[in-house]
Amino acid sequence: MSPANTASTANNTGSAAVPVQDLSRDAAYLPAARRSTAAAVLGRTLNLIGVLAPAQAAARLNAWVWCRPPRYRLRPEDAAALASALPLNVRFKQRELPTYSWGSGPAVILVHGWGGAAGQMAHLVPALLARGLRVVAFDAPAHGEAEGRQTDFPEISEALRCVALAVGDVHGLVCHSAGSVAALRALRQGLKLNRLAVLSAFSQLQLPLAAMASVLKLSPRVRAAHLSLLQSLYGSRFTQDYSPEHLVQDLAVPGLLVHDQGDREFGAANASRLLARWPGAQLHLTEGLGHYRLLKDPAVAERVAEFMQQPRA
């Protein structure tokens, strides 16, 4: 077995008390910093604005970076996978969400991460179809082929609920990275399902915030102003209410956590932390796949499909 296919598993057979703490200074959870000239220039500009007008700097940071996902570049193999799907018309805020459907049977919805797209998730489809499941994937607002340039977690969660309503009875969700926030929020807000697979997720919302600050080298003044802006927009408990470790606490839905031990975006310690808070969840660790190749690995697809095929709760 090649290193990219090695895996280990663990289970949480009960609910453990895990102390609440800010992990944003712990390298075990944080992404590896990837700075660029463009990021350095943008960061310096925001810091200069923040000296005299921190609220203005925070507003620009929110509009230019935090709420503006990069567009996923569709690969030929992604396009080929999408070409085999049937289009599903889903209206969302006076526009159409690009939505794709394969097969028939109990429905599993695929939820991509920040800066991802439906095509990125489509490599999971064949294994799920082979288990007699219907698969649905969509481009979230401002992602893939969807309209818009800006979005946020509440809007993506709302879009997911619209897709689920169009699908009807949803058996399960498979979400990647930041897509876990939208999926878990939708679940906590009433979406009914039997299985939830979470791939390569971070445990706390502070982590992508800290990663953004590190890449841009943001001053403490700008960071504080941005957090204050987010709390004014989404509530004083924003970082807790949108953190997966808070959202999985005592979650009754059976879960599968899949994470690569060498994930450079969000360390595997994130998955262990989620496992400790999610009663009955299973952890599947891989090696050599990283944050994104994990989505294209046949062994991972089989593990997810096997989990989804298990009897309904």
Protein backbone atom coordinates (compact mmCIF):
# COMPACT_ATOMS: atom_id res chain seq x y z
CA MET A 1 0.00 0.00 0.00
CA SER A 2 1.44 3.37 -1.02
CA PRO A 3 1.92 6.17 1.57
CA ALA A 4 -0.92 8.15 -0.03
CA ASN A 5 -3.33 5.32 0.73
CA THR A 6 -2.35 4.48 4.29
CA ALA A 7 -4.98 5.27 6.88
CA SER A 8 -5.88 4.82 10.51
CA THR A 9 -9.20 5.04 12.30
CA ALA A 10 -10.49 6.02 15.70
CA ASN A 11 -13.89 6.31 17.35
CA ASN A 12 -15.47 8.48 19.99
CA THR A 13 -17.66 6.26 22.11
CA GLY A 14 -18.74 9.00 24.48
CA SER A 15 -18.79 12.73 25.03
CA ALA A 16 -15.62 14.13 26.58
CA ALA A 17 -15.22 17.55 28.13
CA VAL A 18 -12.73 19.48 26.00
CA PRO A 19 -11.61 22.84 27.40
CA VAL A 20 -12.55 25.89 25.33
CA GLN A 21 -9.48 27.84 24.32
CA ASP A 22 -8.31 30.06 21.47
CA LEU A 23 -6.12 27.85 19.27
CA SER A 24 -5.08 30.62 16.89
CA ARG A 25 -1.50 30.70 18.21
CA ASP A 26 -1.04 26.93 18.14
CA ALA A 27 0.87 25.77 15.05
CA ALA A 28 -0.66 22.29 15.31
CA TYR A 29 -3.99 23.72 14.15
CA LEU A 30 -2.95 26.58 11.87
CA PRO A 31 -2.19 26.58 8.14
CA ALA A 32 1.34 27.04 6.85
CA ALA A 33 1.73 30.74 5.95
CA ARG A 34 1.86 31.46 2.19
CA ARG A 35 2.79 35.09 1.69
CA SER A 36 3.06 36.87 -1.67
CA THR A 37 4.00 40.30 -2.93
CA ALA A 38 0.34 41.11 -3.56
CA ALA A 39 -0.59 40.07 -0.03
CA ALA A 40 2.22 42.18 1.42
CA VAL A 41 1.08 45.27 -0.49
CA LEU A 42 -2.55 44.74 0.48
CA GLY A 43 -1.62 44.20 4.13
CA ARG A 44 0.50 47.35 4.27
CA THR A 45 -2.32 49.35 2.68
CA LEU A 46 -4.85 48.11 5.24
CA ASN A 47 -2.47 48.74 8.12
CA LEU A 48 -1.85 52.31 6.93
CA ILE A 49 -5.59 52.97 6.69
CA GLY A 50 -6.01 51.38 10.10
CA VAL A 51 -3.72 53.88 11.80
CA LEU A 52 -6.31 56.65 11.51
CA ALA A 53 -9.46 54.79 10.45
CA PRO A 54 -9.50 51.21 11.78
CA ALA A 55 -13.22 50.76 11.06
CA GLN A 56 -12.64 51.70 7.42
CA ALA A 57 -9.71 49.29 7.19
CA ALA A 58 -11.87 46.54 8.67
CA ALA A 59 -14.66 47.20 6.16
CA ARG A 60 -12.22 47.00 3.26
CA LEU A 61 -10.63 43.84 4.64
CA ASN A 62 -14.06 42.27 4.91
CA ALA A 63 -15.06 43.22 1.36
CA TRP A 64 -11.72 42.56 -0.34
CA VAL A 65 -10.63 39.37 1.42
CA TRP A 66 -12.84 37.76 4.08
CA CYS A 67 -16.05 37.81 2.00
CA ARG A 68 -14.43 37.45 -1.44
CA PRO A 69 -13.57 33.83 -2.23
CA PRO A 70 -11.08 33.00 -4.98
CA ARG A 71 -12.60 31.33 -8.03
CA TYR A 72 -11.86 27.63 -8.42
CA ARG A 73 -10.20 26.77 -11.74
CA LEU A 74 -12.13 23.84 -13.17
CA ARG A 75 -9.84 21.00 -14.28
CA PRO A 76 -10.68 18.88 -17.35
CA GLU A 77 -11.42 15.88 -15.12
CA ASP A 78 -13.77 18.04 -13.01
CA ALA A 79 -15.64 19.21 -16.11
CA ALA A 80 -15.94 15.62 -17.33
CA ALA A 81 -17.47 14.55 -14.03
CA LEU A 82 -19.99 17.40 -14.12
CA ALA A 83 -20.89 16.63 -17.74
CA SER A 84 -22.44 13.32 -16.66
CA ALA A 85 -24.83 15.03 -14.23
CA LEU A 86 -28.38 16.20 -14.73
CA PRO A 87 -28.93 19.90 -14.00
CA LEU A 88 -31.15 20.69 -11.02
CA ASN A 89 -32.81 24.11 -11.05
CA VAL A 90 -32.51 25.76 -7.64
CA ARG A 91 -33.62 29.37 -7.21
CA PHE A 92 -31.76 31.38 -4.61
CA LYS A 93 -32.22 35.11 -4.08
CA GLN A 94 -33.63 35.77 -7.56
CA ARG A 95 -30.91 33.78 -9.29
CA GLU A 96 -30.03 30.19 -10.11
CA LEU A 97 -27.54 28.12 -8.15
CA PRO A 98 -25.58 25.79 -10.48
CA THR A 99 -26.64 22.40 -9.14
CA TYR A 100 -25.88 18.90 -10.42
CA SER A 101 -27.56 15.56 -9.77
CA TRP A 102 -26.44 11.98 -10.39
CA GLY A 103 -28.33 8.73 -9.92
CA SER A 104 -31.31 7.88 -7.75
CA GLY A 105 -31.96 6.65 -4.24
CA PRO A 106 -31.27 8.28 -0.85
CA ALA A 107 -29.75 11.71 -1.52
CA VAL A 108 -26.28 12.80 -0.43
CA ILE A 109 -25.36 16.47 -0.92
CA LEU A 110 -21.72 17.47 -1.48
CA VAL A 111 -20.66 20.82 0.02
CA HIS A 112 -17.39 22.32 -1.21
CA GLY A 113 -15.13 24.57 0.83
CA TRP A 114 -14.17 28.26 0.58
CA GLY A 115 -12.87 28.93 -2.91
CA GLY A 116 -13.99 25.47 -4.06
CA ALA A 117 -16.70 24.32 -6.46
CA ALA A 118 -19.01 21.42 -7.25
CA GLY A 119 -16.53 20.03 -9.76
CA GLN A 120 -13.90 19.72 -7.05
CA MET A 121 -16.21 17.39 -5.12
CA ALA A 122 -17.41 15.35 -8.10
CA HIS A 123 -14.63 12.76 -7.76
CA LEU A 124 -16.56 11.36 -4.79
CA VAL A 125 -19.60 10.66 -6.99
CA PRO A 126 -18.78 7.22 -8.54
CA ALA A 127 -18.24 5.48 -5.18
CA LEU A 128 -21.49 6.91 -3.81
CA LEU A 129 -23.44 5.92 -6.93
CA ALA A 130 -22.06 2.38 -6.63
CA ARG A 131 -23.69 2.18 -3.19
CA GLY A 132 -27.13 3.02 -4.60
CA LEU A 133 -27.12 6.64 -3.51
CA ARG A 134 -28.20 9.77 -5.34
CA VAL A 135 -25.57 12.52 -5.34
CA VAL A 136 -26.17 16.27 -5.57
CA ALA A 137 -23.48 18.97 -5.74
CA PHE A 138 -23.77 22.73 -6.13
CA ASP A 139 -21.69 25.87 -6.54
CA ALA A 140 -22.23 28.09 -3.50
CA PRO A 141 -22.86 31.83 -4.06
CA ALA A 142 -19.77 33.59 -5.51
CA HIS A 143 -18.16 30.19 -6.16
CA GLY A 144 -17.64 28.16 -9.32
CA GLU A 145 -20.21 29.16 -11.95
CA ALA A 146 -22.51 30.87 -9.43
CA GLU A 147 -23.16 34.59 -9.72
CA GLY A 148 -21.67 37.16 -7.37
CA ARG A 149 -18.25 38.11 -6.07
CA GLN A 150 -18.93 38.23 -2.34
CA THR A 151 -20.57 35.87 0.11
CA ASP A 152 -20.35 34.71 3.73
CA PHE A 153 -21.03 31.67 5.88
CA PRO A 154 -24.69 32.54 6.65
CA GLU A 155 -25.47 32.93 2.93
CA ILE A 156 -23.77 29.65 1.99
CA SER A 157 -25.67 27.87 4.75
CA GLU A 158 -28.92 29.37 3.45
CA ALA A 159 -28.03 28.26 -0.08
CA LEU A 160 -27.43 24.72 1.19
CA ARG A 161 -30.87 24.69 2.82
CA CYS A 162 -32.41 25.79 -0.51
CA VAL A 163 -30.67 22.94 -2.31
CA ALA A 164 -31.83 20.49 0.37
CA LEU A 165 -35.40 21.73 -0.03
CA ALA A 166 -35.21 21.17 -3.80
CA VAL A 167 -33.77 17.67 -3.28
CA GLY A 168 -36.40 16.62 -0.75
CA ASP A 169 -35.45 13.92 1.75
CA VAL A 170 -31.71 14.26 2.40
CA HIS A 171 -29.92 11.19 3.68
CA GLY A 172 -26.47 12.71 4.18
CA LEU A 173 -23.99 15.51 3.61
CA VAL A 174 -20.32 15.36 2.67
CA CYS A 175 -18.55 18.67 3.31
CA HIS A 176 -14.99 19.82 2.75
CA SER A 177 -12.98 22.31 4.82
CA ALA A 178 -14.94 25.55 5.43
CA GLY A 179 -18.00 23.88 3.91
CA SER A 180 -18.32 22.21 7.31
CA VAL A 181 -19.44 25.54 8.81
CA ALA A 182 -22.32 25.88 6.34
CA ALA A 183 -23.27 22.22 6.73
CA LEU A 184 -23.22 22.23 10.53
CA ARG A 185 -25.08 25.55 10.73
CA ALA A 186 -27.78 24.18 8.41
CA LEU A 187 -28.03 21.07 10.55
CA ARG A 188 -28.33 23.08 13.76
CA GLN A 189 -31.00 25.23 12.10
CA GLY A 190 -33.28 22.31 11.34
CA LEU A 191 -31.94 20.40 8.34
CA LYS A 192 -32.71 16.71 8.89
CA LEU A 193 -30.27 14.01 7.80
CA ASN A 194 -28.90 10.63 8.84
CA ARG A 195 -25.17 10.89 8.12
CA LEU A 196 -22.56 13.66 8.01
CA ALA A 197 -19.02 13.27 6.64
CA VAL A 198 -16.62 16.14 7.37
CA LEU A 199 -13.40 16.27 5.35
CA SER A 200 -10.35 18.41 6.20
CA ALA A 201 -12.20 20.81 8.51
CA PHE A 202 -10.81 23.40 10.90
CA SER A 203 -12.09 23.28 14.48
CA GLN A 204 -12.34 27.01 15.25
CA LEU A 205 -13.24 30.03 13.15
CA GLN A 206 -10.34 31.87 14.80
CA LEU A 207 -8.00 29.74 12.69
CA PRO A 208 -8.86 31.08 9.20
CA LEU A 209 -9.04 34.55 10.73
CA ALA A 210 -5.54 34.13 12.16
CA ALA A 211 -4.27 32.67 8.89
CA MET A 212 -5.58 35.68 6.96
CA ALA A 213 -3.95 38.04 9.46
CA SER A 214 -0.65 36.16 9.18
CA VAL A 215 -0.58 36.18 5.37
CA LEU A 216 -1.40 39.91 5.22
CA LYS A 217 0.69 40.77 8.31
CA LEU A 218 -2.23 42.72 9.73
CA SER A 219 -1.67 44.99 12.69
CA PRO A 220 -3.43 44.19 16.01
CA ARG A 221 -5.47 47.36 15.49
CA VAL A 222 -6.89 46.18 12.16
CA ARG A 223 -7.47 42.65 13.44
CA ALA A 224 -9.41 43.94 16.45
CA ALA A 225 -11.46 46.28 14.27
CA HIS A 226 -12.32 43.45 11.87
CA LEU A 227 -13.42 41.15 14.68
CA SER A 228 -15.58 43.96 16.04
CA LEU A 229 -17.14 44.38 12.58
CA LEU A 230 -17.89 40.65 12.32
CA GLN A 231 -19.51 40.67 15.75
CA SER A 232 -21.66 43.64 14.79
CA LEU A 233 -22.77 41.83 11.62
CA TYR A 234 -23.29 38.32 12.99
CA GLY A 235 -23.55 38.62 16.76
CA SER A 236 -21.20 38.89 19.73
CA ARG A 237 -20.71 35.08 19.75
CA PHE A 238 -19.75 34.98 16.08
CA THR A 239 -16.50 33.06 16.48
CA GLN A 240 -18.12 30.48 18.75
CA ASP A 241 -21.37 30.12 16.79
CA TYR A 242 -19.52 29.54 13.52
CA SER A 243 -16.83 27.24 14.90
CA PRO A 244 -17.21 23.53 14.01
CA GLU A 245 -16.03 22.44 17.47
CA HIS A 246 -19.00 24.32 18.96
CA LEU A 247 -21.43 23.08 16.29
CA VAL A 248 -20.56 19.37 16.73
CA GLN A 249 -20.86 19.49 20.52
CA ASP A 250 -23.19 16.61 21.53
CA LEU A 251 -24.41 16.30 17.92
CA ALA A 252 -26.74 13.32 17.60
CA VAL A 253 -26.13 12.72 13.88
CA PRO A 254 -23.51 9.99 13.23
CA GLY A 255 -20.35 11.51 11.79
CA LEU A 256 -17.23 10.58 9.88
CA LEU A 257 -14.19 12.85 10.14
CA VAL A 258 -11.58 12.43 7.39
CA HIS A 259 -8.27 14.29 7.67
CA ASP A 260 -4.77 13.87 6.32
CA GLN A 261 -1.97 13.73 8.87
CA GLY A 262 0.14 16.03 6.69
CA ASP A 263 -2.59 18.58 5.96
CA ARG A 264 -0.79 21.94 5.60
CA GLU A 265 -3.99 24.01 5.47
CA PHE A 266 -5.41 22.92 8.81
CA GLY A 267 -3.48 20.45 10.95
CA ALA A 268 -4.86 17.02 11.80
CA ALA A 269 -5.15 18.12 15.43
CA ASN A 270 -8.34 19.88 14.30
CA ALA A 271 -9.97 16.54 13.52
CA SER A 272 -8.92 15.05 16.86
CA ARG A 273 -10.48 18.01 18.64
CA LEU A 274 -13.75 17.61 16.74
CA LEU A 275 -13.77 13.87 17.48
CA ALA A 276 -13.52 14.55 21.21
CA ARG A 277 -16.64 16.75 21.10
CA TRP A 278 -18.80 14.64 18.76
CA PRO A 279 -20.29 11.56 20.48
CA GLY A 280 -20.21 8.46 18.30
CA ALA A 281 -18.14 10.10 15.54
CA GLN A 282 -15.47 8.16 13.67
CA LEU A 283 -12.07 9.51 12.62
CA HIS A 284 -10.32 8.31 9.46
CA LEU A 285 -6.75 9.60 9.11
CA THR A 286 -4.88 9.38 5.81
CA GLU A 287 -1.25 10.01 4.94
CA GLY A 288 0.26 11.75 1.93
CA LEU A 289 -2.93 13.33 0.55
CA GLY A 290 -2.87 16.82 2.02
CA HIS A 291 -5.88 19.12 2.12
CA TYR A 292 -7.10 18.85 -1.47
CA ARG A 293 -5.81 15.58 -3.00
CA LEU A 294 -7.85 13.82 -0.35
CA LEU A 295 -10.95 14.71 -2.42
CA LYS A 296 -9.65 12.76 -5.41
CA ASP A 297 -8.41 9.67 -3.59
CA PRO A 298 -10.39 6.49 -4.45
CA ALA A 299 -9.81 4.98 -0.99
CA VAL A 300 -11.24 8.08 0.69
CA ALA A 301 -14.24 8.02 -1.67
CA GLU A 302 -14.86 4.37 -0.77
CA ARG A 303 -14.62 5.10 2.96
CA VAL A 304 -17.09 7.97 2.67
CA ALA A 305 -19.48 5.89 0.53
CA GLU A 306 -19.28 2.97 2.97
CA PHE A 307 -20.16 5.31 5.84
CA MET A 308 -23.05 6.84 3.92
CA GLN A 309 -24.48 3.43 3.04
CA GLN A 310 -24.72 2.33 6.67
CA PRO A 311 -28.28 1.92 8.00
CA ARG A 312 -30.27 5.04 8.72
CA ALA A 313 -30.30 6.32 12.29
